[in-house]
C-alpha atoms as a PDB file:
ATOM      1  CA  MET A   1     -14.310 -13.167  -8.733  1.00  0.00           C
ATOM      2  CA  LEU A   2     -13.709 -15.904 -11.496  1.00  0.00           C
ATOM      3  CA  GLU A   3      -9.681 -16.651 -12.038  1.00  0.00           C
ATOM      4  CA  LYS A   4     -10.283 -19.667 -10.161  1.00  0.00           C
ATOM      5  CA  ALA A   5     -12.683 -21.569 -12.548  1.00  0.00           C
ATOM      6  CA  TYR A   6     -10.600 -24.645 -11.919  1.00  0.00           C
ATOM      7  CA  ASN A   7     -12.442 -25.405  -9.388  1.00  0.00           C
ATOM      8  CA  ALA A   8     -16.428 -26.558  -9.361  1.00  0.00           C
ATOM      9  CA  LYS A   9     -17.761 -24.263  -7.970  1.00  0.00           C
ATOM     10  CA  GLY A  10     -15.574 -21.368 -10.296  1.00  0.00           C
ATOM     11  CA  TYR A  11     -16.861 -24.042 -13.704  1.00  0.00           C
ATOM     12  CA  ILE A  12     -20.752 -23.592 -11.881  1.00  0.00           C
ATOM     13  CA  ILE A  13     -20.466 -19.830 -11.857  1.00  0.00           C
ATOM     14  CA  GLU A  14     -18.797 -18.927 -14.981  1.00  0.00           C
ATOM     15  CA  SER A  15     -21.582 -21.486 -16.821  1.00  0.00           C
ATOM     16  CA  PHE A  16     -24.429 -19.969 -15.071  1.00  0.00           C
ATOM     17  CA  LEU A  17     -23.275 -16.294 -16.293  1.00  0.00           C
ATOM     18  CA  ARG A  18     -22.759 -17.748 -19.962  1.00  0.00           C
ATOM     19  CA  LEU A  19     -25.995 -19.408 -19.559  1.00  0.00           C
ATOM     20  CA  LEU A  20     -27.672 -15.868 -18.391  1.00  0.00           C
ATOM     21  CA  ALA A  21     -26.618 -14.375 -21.566  1.00  0.00           C
ATOM     22  CA  LYS A  22     -28.003 -17.005 -23.526  1.00  0.00           C
ATOM     23  CA  LYS A  23     -31.646 -17.266 -22.020  1.00  0.00           C
ATOM     24  CA  PRO A  24     -33.911 -15.716 -19.198  1.00  0.00           C
ATOM     25  CA  TYR A  25     -32.803 -16.659 -15.303  1.00  0.00           C
ATOM     26  CA  ASN A  26     -36.178 -17.916 -14.571  1.00  0.00           C
ATOM     27  CA  SER A  27     -35.687 -20.823 -17.974  1.00  0.00           C
ATOM     28  CA  ILE A  28     -32.471 -21.522 -16.450  1.00  0.00           C
ATOM     29  CA  THR A  29     -32.233 -25.251 -14.736  1.00  0.00           C
ATOM     30  CA  VAL A  30     -29.915 -27.155 -12.875  1.00  0.00           C
ATOM     31  CA  THR A  31     -29.314 -29.267 -15.448  1.00  0.00           C
ATOM     32  CA  ASP A  32     -28.832 -26.354 -17.822  1.00  0.00           C
ATOM     33  CA  VAL A  33     -26.110 -25.312 -15.280  1.00  0.00           C
ATOM     34  CA  VAL A  34     -24.128 -28.868 -14.982  1.00  0.00           C
ATOM     35  CA  LYS A  35     -24.265 -29.372 -18.711  1.00  0.00           C
ATOM     36  CA  LYS A  36     -22.664 -26.311 -19.510  1.00  0.00           C
ATOM     37  CA  ALA A  37     -20.094 -26.977 -16.708  1.00  0.00           C
ATOM     38  CA  GLY A  38     -19.423 -30.445 -16.642  1.00  0.00           C
ATOM     39  CA  VAL A  39     -20.012 -31.221 -13.313  1.00  0.00           C
ATOM     40  CA  ALA A  40     -22.099 -33.884 -11.911  1.00  0.00           C
ATOM     41  CA  ARG A  41     -25.843 -32.985 -10.591  1.00  0.00           C
ATOM     42  CA  ALA A  42     -24.263 -34.071  -7.212  1.00  0.00           C
ATOM     43  CA  THR A  43     -21.683 -31.512  -7.557  1.00  0.00           C
ATOM     44  CA  PHE A  44     -24.199 -28.595  -7.966  1.00  0.00           C
ATOM     45  CA  TYR A  45     -25.910 -29.842  -5.119  1.00  0.00           C
ATOM     46  CA  ARG A  46     -22.781 -30.207  -2.770  1.00  0.00           C
ATOM     47  CA  ASN A  47     -22.037 -26.343  -3.571  1.00  0.00           C
ATOM     48  CA  TYR A  48     -25.785 -24.992  -4.087  1.00  0.00           C
ATOM     49  CA  LYS A  49     -29.353 -25.218  -2.692  1.00  0.00           C
ATOM     50  CA  SER A  50     -30.783 -24.349  -6.291  1.00  0.00           C
ATOM     51  CA  ILE A  51     -30.488 -22.100  -9.223  1.00  0.00           C
ATOM     52  CA  ASP A  52     -32.250 -19.017  -6.659  1.00  0.00           C
ATOM     53  CA  ASN A  53     -29.022 -19.905  -4.600  1.00  0.00           C
ATOM     54  CA  LEU A  54     -26.552 -19.854  -6.863  1.00  0.00           C
ATOM     55  CA  LEU A  55     -27.824 -16.324  -8.390  1.00  0.00           C
ATOM     56  CA  ASN A  56     -27.189 -15.230  -4.570  1.00  0.00           C
ATOM     57  CA  VAL A  57     -24.080 -16.956  -4.173  1.00  0.00           C
ATOM     58  CA  THR A  58     -23.223 -14.941  -7.644  1.00  0.00           C
ATOM     59  CA  SER A  59     -24.365 -11.791  -6.443  1.00  0.00           C
ATOM     60  CA  SER A  60     -22.961 -11.757  -3.264  1.00  0.00           C
ATOM     61  CA  LEU A  61     -19.388 -12.085  -4.511  1.00  0.00           C
ATOM     62  CA  LEU A  62     -20.291  -8.827  -6.340  1.00  0.00           C
ATOM     63  CA  ALA A  63     -22.063  -7.372  -3.287  1.00  0.00           C
ATOM     64  CA  ASP A  64     -19.042  -8.115  -1.094  1.00  0.00           C
ATOM     65  CA  THR A  65     -16.777  -6.301  -3.884  1.00  0.00           C
ATOM     66  CA  LEU A  66     -19.168  -3.053  -3.555  1.00  0.00           C
ATOM     67  CA  ASN A  67     -18.644  -3.104   0.467  1.00  0.00           C
ATOM     68  CA  LYS A  68     -15.407  -3.379   0.282  1.00  0.00           C
ATOM     69  CA  ASN A  69     -14.611  -0.304  -1.801  1.00  0.00           C
ATOM     70  CA  LEU A  70     -17.496   1.695  -1.107  1.00  0.00           C
ATOM     71  CA  SER A  71     -16.580   2.772   2.419  1.00  0.00           C
ATOM     72  CA  ILE A  72     -13.367   3.703   1.134  1.00  0.00           C
ATOM     73  CA  ILE A  73     -14.743   5.507  -1.635  1.00  0.00           C
ATOM     74  CA  LEU A  74     -17.174   7.506   1.063  1.00  0.00           C
ATOM     75  CA  LEU A  75     -14.882   7.985   3.630  1.00  0.00           C
ATOM     76  CA  GLU A  76     -11.973   9.014   1.852  1.00  0.00           C
ATOM     77  CA  GLN A  77     -10.734  12.789   2.221  1.00  0.00           C
ATOM     78  CA  ASP A  78      -8.482  12.599  -1.012  1.00  0.00           C
ATOM     79  CA  GLU A  79      -9.865  13.338  -4.304  1.00  0.00           C
ATOM     80  CA  ASN A  80      -6.701  11.351  -5.927  1.00  0.00           C
ATOM     81  CA  LYS A  81      -7.350   8.385  -3.464  1.00  0.00           C
ATOM     82  CA  THR A  82     -10.817   8.499  -4.294  1.00  0.00           C
ATOM     83  CA  ILE A  83     -10.754   8.111  -7.651  1.00  0.00           C
ATOM     84  CA  LYS A  84      -8.087   5.549  -8.043  1.00  0.00           C
ATOM     85  CA  THR A  85      -9.983   3.537  -5.602  1.00  0.00           C
ATOM     86  CA  LEU A  86     -13.172   4.127  -7.258  1.00  0.00           C
ATOM     87  CA  THR A  87     -11.304   3.169 -10.853  1.00  0.00           C
ATOM     88  CA  SER A  88      -9.773   0.019  -9.156  1.00  0.00           C
ATOM     89  CA  PHE A  89     -13.168  -1.049  -8.299  1.00  0.00           C
ATOM     90  CA  LEU A  90     -14.831  -0.497 -11.402  1.00  0.00           C
ATOM     91  CA  LYS A  91     -12.073  -2.234 -13.475  1.00  0.00           C
ATOM     92  CA  GLU A  92     -12.612  -5.151 -11.144  1.00  0.00           C
ATOM     93  CA  LEU A  93     -16.199  -5.237 -12.276  1.00  0.00           C
ATOM     94  CA  SER A  94     -15.301  -4.797 -15.907  1.00  0.00           C
ATOM     95  CA  LEU A  95     -13.079  -8.184 -15.465  1.00  0.00           C
ATOM     96  CA  LEU A  96     -16.721  -9.656 -15.599  1.00  0.00           C
ATOM     97  CA  ARG A  97     -17.310  -7.880 -18.645  1.00  0.00           C
ATOM     98  CA  PRO A  98     -16.802 -11.265 -20.701  1.00  0.00           C
ATOM     99  CA  TYR A  99     -19.470 -12.977 -18.548  1.00  0.00           C
ATOM    100  CA  LEU A 100     -22.037 -10.227 -18.529  1.00  0.00           C
ATOM    101  CA  ILE A 101     -21.860  -8.606 -21.148  1.00  0.00           C
ATOM    102  CA  LYS A 102     -24.410 -10.544 -23.327  1.00  0.00           C
ATOM    103  CA  ILE A 103     -26.348 -10.954 -20.525  1.00  0.00           C
ATOM    104  CA  SER A 104     -29.993  -9.786 -21.255  1.00  0.00           C
ATOM    105  CA  ARG A 105     -30.934  -6.232 -19.397  1.00  0.00           C
ATOM    106  CA  ASP A 106     -34.073  -8.072 -17.734  1.00  0.00           C
ATOM    107  CA  ASN A 107     -31.426 -10.574 -16.357  1.00  0.00           C
ATOM    108  CA  ILE A 108     -28.984  -7.974 -15.309  1.00  0.00           C
ATOM    109  CA  GLY A 109     -31.859  -6.241 -13.324  1.00  0.00           C
ATOM    110  CA  ILE A 110     -32.294  -9.834 -11.497  1.00  0.00           C
ATOM    111  CA  ILE A 111     -28.631  -9.724 -10.481  1.00  0.00           C
ATOM    112  CA  ILE A 112     -28.264  -5.882  -9.516  1.00  0.00           C
ATOM    113  CA  ASP A 113     -31.448  -6.549  -7.027  1.00  0.00           C
ATOM    114  CA  ARG A 114     -29.740  -9.166  -5.567  1.00  0.00           C
ATOM    115  CA  ILE A 115     -26.884  -7.247  -5.269  1.00  0.00           C
ATOM    116  CA  ASN A 116     -29.031  -4.561  -3.743  1.00  0.00           C
ATOM    117  CA  THR A 117     -30.207  -6.924  -1.114  1.00  0.00           C
ATOM    118  CA  ASN A 118     -26.510  -8.381  -0.144  1.00  0.00           C
ATOM    119  CA  ALA A 119     -25.071  -5.390   0.058  1.00  0.00           C
ATOM    120  CA  ASN A 120     -25.261  -3.880   3.698  1.00  0.00           C
ATOM    121  CA  ILE A 121     -22.791  -1.437   2.860  1.00  0.00           C
ATOM    122  CA  LYS A 122     -25.835   1.483   3.398  1.00  0.00           C
ATOM    123  CA  GLU A 123     -26.867   0.025   6.888  1.00  0.00           C
ATOM    124  CA  ALA A 124     -23.104  -0.170   7.982  1.00  0.00           C
ATOM    125  CA  LEU A 125     -22.281   3.461   7.092  1.00  0.00           C
ATOM    126  CA  LEU A 126     -25.337   4.880   8.580  1.00  0.00           C
ATOM    127  CA  GLU A 127     -24.743   2.927  12.057  1.00  0.00           C
ATOM    128  CA  LYS A 128     -20.629   4.939  12.059  1.00  0.00           C
ATOM    129  CA  SER A 129     -22.445   8.185  11.164  1.00  0.00           C
ATOM    130  CA  ASN A 130     -23.418  10.997  13.807  1.00  0.00           C
ATOM    131  CA  ASP A 131     -27.095  11.598  14.317  1.00  0.00           C
ATOM    132  CA  ASP A 132     -27.028  14.648  12.215  1.00  0.00           C
ATOM    133  CA  PHE A 133     -29.667  14.590  10.017  1.00  0.00           C
ATOM    134  CA  LYS A 134     -27.994  16.557   7.022  1.00  0.00           C
ATOM    135  CA  SER A 135     -24.768  14.154   7.577  1.00  0.00           C
ATOM    136  CA  LYS A 136     -27.040  11.071   7.735  1.00  0.00           C
ATOM    137  CA  TYR A 137     -28.881  12.022   4.254  1.00  0.00           C
ATOM    138  CA  ASN A 138     -25.637  13.402   2.689  1.00  0.00           C
ATOM    139  CA  LEU A 139     -24.631   9.875   2.928  1.00  0.00           C
ATOM    140  CA  ILE A 140     -27.784   8.484   1.948  1.00  0.00           C
ATOM    141  CA  THR A 141     -27.454  10.703  -1.345  1.00  0.00           C
ATOM    142  CA  LYS A 142     -23.532   9.973  -2.117  1.00  0.00           C
ATOM    143  CA  ILE A 143     -24.629   6.293  -1.720  1.00  0.00           C
ATOM    144  CA  GLY A 144     -27.614   6.956  -3.866  1.00  0.00           C
ATOM    145  CA  ILE A 145     -25.372   8.508  -6.619  1.00  0.00           C
ATOM    146  CA  ILE A 146     -22.615   5.688  -6.975  1.00  0.00           C
ATOM    147  CA  ASP A 147     -25.340   3.051  -6.855  1.00  0.00           C
ATOM    148  CA  THR A 148     -27.232   4.631  -9.813  1.00  0.00           C
ATOM    149  CA  ILE A 149     -24.440   5.219 -12.009  1.00  0.00           C
ATOM    150  CA  VAL A 150     -22.377   1.865 -11.176  1.00  0.00           C
ATOM    151  CA  LYS A 151     -25.953   0.238 -11.883  1.00  0.00           C
ATOM    152  CA  SER A 152     -26.264   2.337 -15.441  1.00  0.00           C
ATOM    153  CA  TRP A 153     -22.606   1.618 -16.162  1.00  0.00           C
ATOM    154  CA  LEU A 154     -23.227  -2.020 -15.760  1.00  0.00           C
ATOM    155  CA  ALA A 155     -26.399  -1.963 -17.839  1.00  0.00           C
ATOM    156  CA  ASP A 156     -24.901  -0.058 -20.215  1.00  0.00           C
ATOM    157  CA  HIS A 157     -22.263  -2.977 -20.568  1.00  0.00           C
ATOM    158  CA  TYR A 158     -19.099  -0.636 -19.500  1.00  0.00           C
ATOM    159  CA  LYS A 159     -19.172   1.283 -22.891  1.00  0.00           C
ATOM    160  CA  ASP A 160     -17.526   4.204 -21.145  1.00  0.00           C
ATOM    161  CA  ASP A 161     -13.845   3.902 -19.389  1.00  0.00           C
ATOM    162  CA  ALA A 162     -13.633   3.142 -15.742  1.00  0.00           C
ATOM    163  CA  GLU A 163     -11.632   6.503 -15.026  1.00  0.00           C
ATOM    164  CA  LEU A 164     -13.654   8.649 -16.781  1.00  0.00           C
ATOM    165  CA  ILE A 165     -16.724   7.015 -14.731  1.00  0.00           C
ATOM    166  CA  ALA A 166     -14.764   7.281 -11.366  1.00  0.00           C
ATOM    167  CA  LYS A 167     -13.816  11.085 -12.057  1.00  0.00           C
ATOM    168  CA  PHE A 168     -17.729  11.643 -13.092  1.00  0.00           C
ATOM    169  CA  ILE A 169     -18.613   9.831 -10.033  1.00  0.00           C
ATOM    170  CA  VAL A 170     -16.248  12.044  -7.486  1.00  0.00           C
ATOM    171  CA  GLU A 171     -17.221  15.278  -9.200  1.00  0.00           C
ATOM    172  CA  LYS A 172     -20.801  14.501  -8.148  1.00  0.00           C
ATOM    173  CA  LEU A 173     -19.993  13.681  -5.011  1.00  0.00           C
ATOM    174  CA  LYS A 174     -18.085  16.808  -4.293  1.00  0.00           C
ATOM    175  CA  GLN A 175     -21.154  19.026  -4.886  1.00  0.00           C
ATOM    176  CA  ILE A 176     -22.733  17.087  -2.084  1.00  0.00           C
ATOM    177  CA  ASN A 177     -21.649  18.851   1.437  1.00  0.00           C
END
């Protein structure tokens, strides 16, 4: 996500995440972001409508990563492939660690709430599932388990190894039939 920080959008997102590490979301201004990013105010507004829009775009990038991987994780029958996909997803999230580790729990909460708003995977998967009551609610339970554990891991600033978390999630998912 942030590897392409050589463009204005990348600088703005990276600066925004750095600012989230230092101050509450609701006190970050466009002026703060453009100064930190070293870009003109017009450049900010060419790419984003507001700080709220910037938060939505940043969260959408994370949600896209989640959406891409969650359907694979939930639908894969091979446990080893599931662990590998989940570990890869968690490691991808952990690449953001330098940006997110210092963000306060309140600001992480705001980002996670926005990710939930942007992550439409649950609805998409439920549409694909049959109308069977048990299947539907097993899927919802599995999504809830993944969601809760990943959020806790993020809020805990990635203290545990990604593969260990992946194996724990898969172990919990297997308990739901």
